Amino acid sequence: KRAAFSSINFENILTWETEADIPPGTVFDVQYKQYGEKSWLNKRECQSITKPFCNLTCETENITEHYYARVRA
């Protein structure tokens, strides 16, 4: 829940909160897309991860565009 982009040191990091009672072994998959696009794209390095963040800097480097991201448990 509460997934949001944080821009720190010119890096765009997607972070999210997890529930307190999240089951052990829960993994997350991150997807992103540019505003206006219909299809979500998988962030390859952020599939089946256990940490609550993903670096999307390379995928969101055009500062004139708007981006969306989502995470699934």
N, C-alpha and C. Protein backbone atom coordinates (compact mmCIF):
# COMPACT_ATOMS: atom_id res chain seq x y z
N LYS A 1 0.83 -1.19 0.00
CA LYS A 1 0.00 0.00 0.00
C LYS A 1 0.87 1.24 0.00
N ARG A 2 0.31 2.35 -0.36
CA ARG A 2 0.99 3.64 -0.41
C ARG A 2 2.27 3.61 -1.26
N ALA A 3 2.16 3.08 -2.43
CA ALA A 3 3.31 3.10 -3.34
C ALA A 3 3.52 4.52 -3.83
N ALA A 4 4.78 4.95 -3.87
CA ALA A 4 5.08 6.32 -4.29
C ALA A 4 6.51 6.40 -4.81
N PHE A 5 6.72 7.33 -5.74
CA PHE A 5 8.07 7.61 -6.22
C PHE A 5 8.78 8.55 -5.25
N SER A 6 10.05 8.28 -5.04
CA SER A 6 10.92 9.19 -4.30
C SER A 6 12.10 9.49 -5.20
N SER A 7 12.41 10.75 -5.38
CA SER A 7 13.56 11.13 -6.20
C SER A 7 14.67 11.58 -5.27
N ILE A 8 15.71 10.77 -5.20
CA ILE A 8 16.83 11.02 -4.30
C ILE A 8 18.12 10.89 -5.10
N ASN A 9 18.98 11.92 -5.05
CA ASN A 9 20.25 11.89 -5.77
C ASN A 9 20.08 11.54 -7.25
N PHE A 10 19.06 12.14 -7.87
CA PHE A 10 18.77 11.94 -9.29
C PHE A 10 18.37 10.51 -9.63
N GLU A 11 17.90 9.76 -8.64
CA GLU A 11 17.39 8.42 -8.88
C GLU A 11 15.90 8.40 -8.52
N ASN A 12 15.11 7.69 -9.32
CA ASN A 12 13.68 7.56 -9.07
C ASN A 12 13.41 6.18 -8.48
N ILE A 13 13.09 6.16 -7.21
CA ILE A 13 12.89 4.92 -6.48
C ILE A 13 11.41 4.78 -6.13
N LEU A 14 10.82 3.65 -6.52
CA LEU A 14 9.46 3.35 -6.11
C LEU A 14 9.54 2.64 -4.76
N THR A 15 8.83 3.16 -3.77
CA THR A 15 8.78 2.54 -2.45
C THR A 15 7.33 2.24 -2.10
N TRP A 16 7.13 1.30 -1.21
CA TRP A 16 5.79 0.96 -0.75
C TRP A 16 5.84 0.40 0.66
N GLU A 17 4.70 0.48 1.31
CA GLU A 17 4.56 -0.05 2.65
C GLU A 17 3.94 -1.44 2.58
N THR A 18 4.31 -2.27 3.55
CA THR A 18 3.72 -3.60 3.64
C THR A 18 2.90 -3.68 4.93
N GLU A 19 1.99 -4.61 4.95
CA GLU A 19 1.19 -4.83 6.15
C GLU A 19 2.07 -5.44 7.24
N ALA A 20 1.71 -5.20 8.47
CA ALA A 20 2.49 -5.72 9.60
C ALA A 20 2.48 -7.25 9.63
N ASP A 21 1.39 -7.85 9.20
CA ASP A 21 1.25 -9.30 9.27
C ASP A 21 1.50 -9.98 7.92
N ILE A 22 2.40 -9.44 7.13
CA ILE A 22 2.71 -10.01 5.82
C ILE A 22 3.33 -11.41 6.01
N PRO A 23 2.83 -12.40 5.28
CA PRO A 23 3.35 -13.76 5.44
C PRO A 23 4.82 -13.86 5.03
N PRO A 24 5.59 -14.68 5.71
CA PRO A 24 6.99 -14.90 5.32
C PRO A 24 7.05 -15.43 3.89
N GLY A 25 8.04 -14.99 3.16
CA GLY A 25 8.22 -15.45 1.79
C GLY A 25 7.42 -14.69 0.76
N THR A 26 6.71 -13.65 1.18
CA THR A 26 5.95 -12.85 0.22
C THR A 26 6.91 -12.13 -0.72
N VAL A 27 6.61 -12.17 -2.01
CA VAL A 27 7.45 -11.49 -2.99
C VAL A 27 6.62 -10.45 -3.73
N PHE A 28 7.31 -9.50 -4.35
CA PHE A 28 6.67 -8.39 -5.03
C PHE A 28 7.11 -8.32 -6.49
N ASP A 29 6.19 -7.88 -7.35
CA ASP A 29 6.47 -7.66 -8.77
C ASP A 29 6.14 -6.21 -9.09
N VAL A 30 7.05 -5.52 -9.77
CA VAL A 30 6.88 -4.11 -10.08
C VAL A 30 6.66 -3.95 -11.58
N GLN A 31 5.70 -3.10 -11.92
CA GLN A 31 5.43 -2.74 -13.32
C GLN A 31 5.37 -1.22 -13.42
N TYR A 32 5.61 -0.73 -14.63
CA TYR A 32 5.59 0.72 -14.87
C TYR A 32 5.06 0.99 -16.27
N LYS A 33 4.65 2.23 -16.50
CA LYS A 33 4.27 2.65 -17.84
C LYS A 33 4.33 4.17 -17.91
N GLN A 34 4.44 4.65 -19.11
CA GLN A 34 4.45 6.09 -19.37
C GLN A 34 3.01 6.54 -19.56
N TYR A 35 2.72 7.76 -19.14
CA TYR A 35 1.37 8.32 -19.28
C TYR A 35 0.90 8.18 -20.72
N GLY A 36 -0.30 7.68 -20.92
CA GLY A 36 -0.86 7.52 -22.25
C GLY A 36 -0.69 6.13 -22.83
N GLU A 37 0.24 5.36 -22.30
CA GLU A 37 0.45 4.00 -22.79
C GLU A 37 -0.61 3.08 -22.19
N LYS A 38 -0.99 2.06 -22.93
CA LYS A 38 -2.00 1.13 -22.44
C LYS A 38 -1.39 -0.05 -21.68
N SER A 39 -0.22 -0.48 -22.09
CA SER A 39 0.37 -1.69 -21.52
C SER A 39 1.34 -1.38 -20.39
N TRP A 40 1.26 -2.18 -19.34
CA TRP A 40 2.23 -2.12 -18.25
C TRP A 40 3.44 -2.96 -18.64
N LEU A 41 4.62 -2.50 -18.26
CA LEU A 41 5.87 -3.21 -18.54
C LEU A 41 6.46 -3.71 -17.22
N ASN A 42 6.97 -4.93 -17.24
CA ASN A 42 7.63 -5.48 -16.06
C ASN A 42 9.01 -4.87 -15.90
N LYS A 43 9.38 -4.51 -14.70
CA LYS A 43 10.76 -4.13 -14.39
C LYS A 43 11.48 -5.43 -14.07
N ARG A 44 12.30 -5.89 -14.99
CA ARG A 44 12.91 -7.21 -14.91
C ARG A 44 13.64 -7.45 -13.59
N GLU A 45 14.39 -6.45 -13.14
CA GLU A 45 15.17 -6.61 -11.91
C GLU A 45 14.31 -6.57 -10.65
N CYS A 46 13.04 -6.23 -10.80
CA CYS A 46 12.16 -6.11 -9.63
C CYS A 46 10.97 -7.07 -9.73
N GLN A 47 11.25 -8.28 -10.17
CA GLN A 47 10.25 -9.34 -10.18
C GLN A 47 10.62 -10.35 -9.11
N SER A 48 9.64 -10.75 -8.32
CA SER A 48 9.83 -11.73 -7.23
C SER A 48 10.88 -11.25 -6.23
N ILE A 49 10.79 -9.96 -5.86
CA ILE A 49 11.73 -9.41 -4.88
C ILE A 49 11.06 -9.37 -3.50
N THR A 50 11.87 -9.29 -2.46
CA THR A 50 11.34 -9.25 -1.09
C THR A 50 11.49 -7.87 -0.46
N LYS A 51 12.31 -7.01 -1.03
CA LYS A 51 12.51 -5.67 -0.46
C LYS A 51 11.38 -4.73 -0.91
N PRO A 52 11.05 -3.72 -0.10
CA PRO A 52 9.92 -2.83 -0.43
C PRO A 52 10.32 -1.60 -1.24
N PHE A 53 11.19 -1.77 -2.22
CA PHE A 53 11.57 -0.67 -3.09
C PHE A 53 12.15 -1.21 -4.39
N CYS A 54 12.12 -0.34 -5.43
CA CYS A 54 12.63 -0.71 -6.75
C CYS A 54 13.14 0.55 -7.43
N ASN A 55 14.32 0.47 -8.00
CA ASN A 55 14.92 1.60 -8.70
C ASN A 55 14.41 1.62 -10.15
N LEU A 56 13.67 2.68 -10.48
CA LEU A 56 13.11 2.84 -11.83
C LEU A 56 13.74 4.02 -12.56
N THR A 57 14.94 4.38 -12.21
CA THR A 57 15.60 5.54 -12.79
C THR A 57 15.73 5.42 -14.31
N CYS A 58 16.23 4.31 -14.80
CA CYS A 58 16.44 4.16 -16.24
C CYS A 58 15.12 4.18 -17.02
N GLU A 59 14.06 3.68 -16.40
CA GLU A 59 12.76 3.62 -17.07
C GLU A 59 12.02 4.95 -17.03
N THR A 60 12.45 5.87 -16.18
CA THR A 60 11.74 7.14 -16.00
C THR A 60 12.68 8.33 -16.20
N GLU A 61 13.64 8.19 -17.10
CA GLU A 61 14.67 9.22 -17.22
C GLU A 61 14.24 10.47 -17.99
N ASN A 62 13.16 10.40 -18.75
CA ASN A 62 12.70 11.58 -19.48
C ASN A 62 11.90 12.46 -18.52
N ILE A 63 12.48 13.56 -18.08
CA ILE A 63 11.84 14.39 -17.05
C ILE A 63 10.63 15.16 -17.55
N THR A 64 10.39 15.17 -18.87
CA THR A 64 9.22 15.87 -19.40
C THR A 64 8.00 14.96 -19.47
N GLU A 65 8.16 13.69 -19.19
CA GLU A 65 7.07 12.72 -19.26
C GLU A 65 6.54 12.40 -17.86
N HIS A 66 5.34 11.84 -17.83
CA HIS A 66 4.73 11.39 -16.58
C HIS A 66 4.71 9.86 -16.59
N TYR A 67 4.98 9.27 -15.44
CA TYR A 67 5.06 7.82 -15.34
C TYR A 67 4.17 7.30 -14.22
N TYR A 68 3.75 6.06 -14.39
CA TYR A 68 3.00 5.34 -13.36
C TYR A 68 3.78 4.09 -13.01
N ALA A 69 3.59 3.62 -11.81
CA ALA A 69 4.18 2.35 -11.40
C ALA A 69 3.21 1.67 -10.45
N ARG A 70 3.30 0.37 -10.40
CA ARG A 70 2.48 -0.38 -9.46
C ARG A 70 3.24 -1.60 -8.99
N VAL A 71 2.83 -2.09 -7.86
CA VAL A 71 3.48 -3.26 -7.26
C VAL A 71 2.40 -4.24 -6.84
N ARG A 72 2.68 -5.50 -7.05
CA ARG A 72 1.76 -6.57 -6.67
C ARG A 72 2.48 -7.55 -5.76
N ALA A 73 1.78 -7.97 -4.73
CA ALA A 73 2.35 -8.99 -3.82
C ALA A 73 1.94 -10.37 -4.29
